[in-house]
Amino acid sequence: MSRKREPSVVFDDDNPEWTEEDFARARPASELPPEVLAHFPKTLARIRGLQKAATKRAVSIRLSAEVVDHFRAGGPGWQTRIDQALKDVIARKIG
């Protein structure tokens, strides 16, 4: 008969568990001054609503598995590559 091990609790004085008061005082990263955010470019990029160029719109679109698999196989940035492929199609039709 196997015995389940209880997960051990680790206490870290340098990184204590947040209290209800800590959560109440917390503010979103978007409220940080720009000079602070400049030191954390990945955080800045993740703040909802901020884009390098505010020209894109969030939409929901259904694509075939073949298309999604093809672009995802290229790694991060796959949605941007789909966007570029669609722009290329538009440019060929116009030009």
C-alpha atoms as a PDB file:
ATOM      1  CA  MET A   1       0.000   0.000   0.000  1.00  0.00           C
ATOM      2  CA  SER A   2       1.499   3.351  -1.018  1.00  0.00           C
ATOM      3  CA  ARG A   3       1.313   6.340   1.258  1.00  0.00           C
ATOM      4  CA  LYS A   4       0.663   9.810  -0.086  1.00  0.00           C
ATOM      5  CA  ARG A   5       3.224  12.374   0.935  1.00  0.00           C
ATOM      6  CA  GLU A   6       1.899  15.672   2.132  1.00  0.00           C
ATOM      7  CA  PRO A   7       3.539  18.563   0.280  1.00  0.00           C
ATOM      8  CA  SER A   8       5.987  20.326   2.528  1.00  0.00           C
ATOM      9  CA  VAL A   9       5.375  23.958   3.290  1.00  0.00           C
ATOM     10  CA  VAL A  10       8.298  26.246   2.603  1.00  0.00           C
ATOM     11  CA  PHE A  11       8.545  29.535   4.448  1.00  0.00           C
ATOM     12  CA  ASP A  12      10.639  32.250   2.865  1.00  0.00           C
ATOM     13  CA  ASP A  13      11.240  35.339   4.987  1.00  0.00           C
ATOM     14  CA  ASP A  14      12.530  37.217   1.922  1.00  0.00           C
ATOM     15  CA  ASN A  15       9.350  36.480  -0.016  1.00  0.00           C
ATOM     16  CA  PRO A  16       6.458  36.136   2.451  1.00  0.00           C
ATOM     17  CA  GLU A  17       2.976  35.089   1.470  1.00  0.00           C
ATOM     18  CA  TRP A  18       0.722  38.046   0.670  1.00  0.00           C
ATOM     19  CA  THR A  19      -1.926  39.061   3.173  1.00  0.00           C
ATOM     20  CA  GLU A  20      -5.364  40.475   2.396  1.00  0.00           C
ATOM     21  CA  GLU A  21      -3.920  43.934   3.141  1.00  0.00           C
ATOM     22  CA  ASP A  22      -1.126  43.368   0.602  1.00  0.00           C
ATOM     23  CA  PHE A  23      -3.677  42.497  -2.080  1.00  0.00           C
ATOM     24  CA  ALA A  24      -5.788  45.526  -1.152  1.00  0.00           C
ATOM     25  CA  ARG A  25      -2.768  47.846  -1.622  1.00  0.00           C
ATOM     26  CA  ALA A  26      -1.636  46.223  -4.869  1.00  0.00           C
ATOM     27  CA  ARG A  27      -1.933  48.209  -8.097  1.00  0.00           C
ATOM     28  CA  PRO A  28      -1.658  47.074 -11.740  1.00  0.00           C
ATOM     29  CA  ALA A  29       1.655  47.490 -13.533  1.00  0.00           C
ATOM     30  CA  SER A  30      -0.036  49.929 -15.908  1.00  0.00           C
ATOM     31  CA  GLU A  31      -0.112  52.447 -13.035  1.00  0.00           C
ATOM     32  CA  LEU A  32       3.675  52.431 -12.638  1.00  0.00           C
ATOM     33  CA  PRO A  33       5.576  55.480 -13.886  1.00  0.00           C
ATOM     34  CA  PRO A  34       6.958  55.016 -17.429  1.00  0.00           C
ATOM     35  CA  GLU A  35      10.548  55.388 -16.200  1.00  0.00           C
ATOM     36  CA  VAL A  36      10.037  52.356 -13.933  1.00  0.00           C
ATOM     37  CA  LEU A  37       8.307  50.308 -16.645  1.00  0.00           C
ATOM     38  CA  ALA A  38      11.186  51.055 -19.029  1.00  0.00           C
ATOM     39  CA  HIS A  39      13.308  48.657 -16.963  1.00  0.00           C
ATOM     40  CA  PHE A  40      10.822  45.841 -17.597  1.00  0.00           C
ATOM     41  CA  PRO A  41      10.090  45.762 -21.349  1.00  0.00           C
ATOM     42  CA  LYS A  42       8.379  42.355 -21.247  1.00  0.00           C
ATOM     43  CA  THR A  43       6.040  43.564 -18.526  1.00  0.00           C
ATOM     44  CA  LEU A  44       5.282  46.685 -20.513  1.00  0.00           C
ATOM     45  CA  ALA A  45       4.450  44.585 -23.571  1.00  0.00           C
ATOM     46  CA  ARG A  46       2.050  42.461 -21.527  1.00  0.00           C
ATOM     47  CA  ILE A  47       0.029  45.334 -20.155  1.00  0.00           C
ATOM     48  CA  ARG A  48      -3.315  45.015 -21.841  1.00  0.00           C
ATOM     49  CA  GLY A  49      -4.090  47.741 -24.302  1.00  0.00           C
ATOM     50  CA  LEU A  50      -0.502  48.775 -25.029  1.00  0.00           C
ATOM     51  CA  GLN A  51       0.929  47.938 -28.429  1.00  0.00           C
ATOM     52  CA  LYS A  52       4.026  48.996 -30.319  1.00  0.00           C
ATOM     53  CA  ALA A  53       1.685  50.442 -32.918  1.00  0.00           C
ATOM     54  CA  ALA A  54      -1.875  51.022 -31.771  1.00  0.00           C
ATOM     55  CA  THR A  55      -3.264  49.994 -35.132  1.00  0.00           C
ATOM     56  CA  LYS A  56      -4.329  46.426 -34.399  1.00  0.00           C
ATOM     57  CA  ARG A  57      -7.712  45.211 -33.225  1.00  0.00           C
ATOM     58  CA  ALA A  58      -8.463  42.132 -31.157  1.00  0.00           C
ATOM     59  CA  VAL A  59     -10.801  39.818 -33.084  1.00  0.00           C
ATOM     60  CA  SER A  60     -11.950  36.247 -32.914  1.00  0.00           C
ATOM     61  CA  ILE A  61     -11.378  34.228 -36.069  1.00  0.00           C
ATOM     62  CA  ARG A  62     -11.703  30.530 -36.866  1.00  0.00           C
ATOM     63  CA  LEU A  63      -8.785  29.119 -38.833  1.00  0.00           C
ATOM     64  CA  SER A  64      -8.134  25.601 -40.040  1.00  0.00           C
ATOM     65  CA  ALA A  65      -5.883  23.443 -37.872  1.00  0.00           C
ATOM     66  CA  GLU A  66      -3.450  23.215 -40.791  1.00  0.00           C
ATOM     67  CA  VAL A  67      -3.022  27.011 -40.894  1.00  0.00           C
ATOM     68  CA  VAL A  68      -2.632  27.373 -37.126  1.00  0.00           C
ATOM     69  CA  ASP A  69      -0.176  24.450 -36.919  1.00  0.00           C
ATOM     70  CA  HIS A  70       1.895  25.868 -39.778  1.00  0.00           C
ATOM     71  CA  PHE A  71       2.292  29.301 -38.205  1.00  0.00           C
ATOM     72  CA  ARG A  72       2.688  28.046 -34.617  1.00  0.00           C
ATOM     73  CA  ALA A  73       5.495  25.737 -35.764  1.00  0.00           C
ATOM     74  CA  GLY A  74       7.522  28.886 -36.414  1.00  0.00           C
ATOM     75  CA  GLY A  75       7.483  29.721 -32.711  1.00  0.00           C
ATOM     76  CA  PRO A  76       6.542  32.948 -30.944  1.00  0.00           C
ATOM     77  CA  GLY A  77       5.093  35.644 -33.156  1.00  0.00           C
ATOM     78  CA  TRP A  78       2.860  33.274 -35.074  1.00  0.00           C
ATOM     79  CA  GLN A  79      -0.134  35.629 -34.949  1.00  0.00           C
ATOM     80  CA  THR A  80       2.007  38.463 -36.305  1.00  0.00           C
ATOM     81  CA  ARG A  81       3.111  36.196 -39.163  1.00  0.00           C
ATOM     82  CA  ILE A  82      -0.515  35.406 -39.991  1.00  0.00           C
ATOM     83  CA  ASP A  83      -1.219  39.152 -40.004  1.00  0.00           C
ATOM     84  CA  GLN A  84       1.706  39.731 -42.373  1.00  0.00           C
ATOM     85  CA  ALA A  85       0.599  36.909 -44.686  1.00  0.00           C
ATOM     86  CA  LEU A  86      -2.858  38.467 -44.926  1.00  0.00           C
ATOM     87  CA  LYS A  87      -1.329  41.896 -45.629  1.00  0.00           C
ATOM     88  CA  ASP A  88       0.744  40.312 -48.411  1.00  0.00           C
ATOM     89  CA  VAL A  89      -2.423  38.886 -49.992  1.00  0.00           C
ATOM     90  CA  ILE A  90      -4.067  42.320 -49.855  1.00  0.00           C
ATOM     91  CA  ALA A  91      -0.994  43.978 -51.435  1.00  0.00           C
ATOM     92  CA  ARG A  92      -0.991  41.460 -54.320  1.00  0.00           C
ATOM     93  CA  LYS A  93      -4.674  42.053 -55.052  1.00  0.00           C
ATOM     94  CA  ILE A  94      -4.281  45.838 -55.038  1.00  0.00           C
ATOM     95  CA  GLY A  95      -0.922  46.034 -56.790  1.00  0.00           C
END
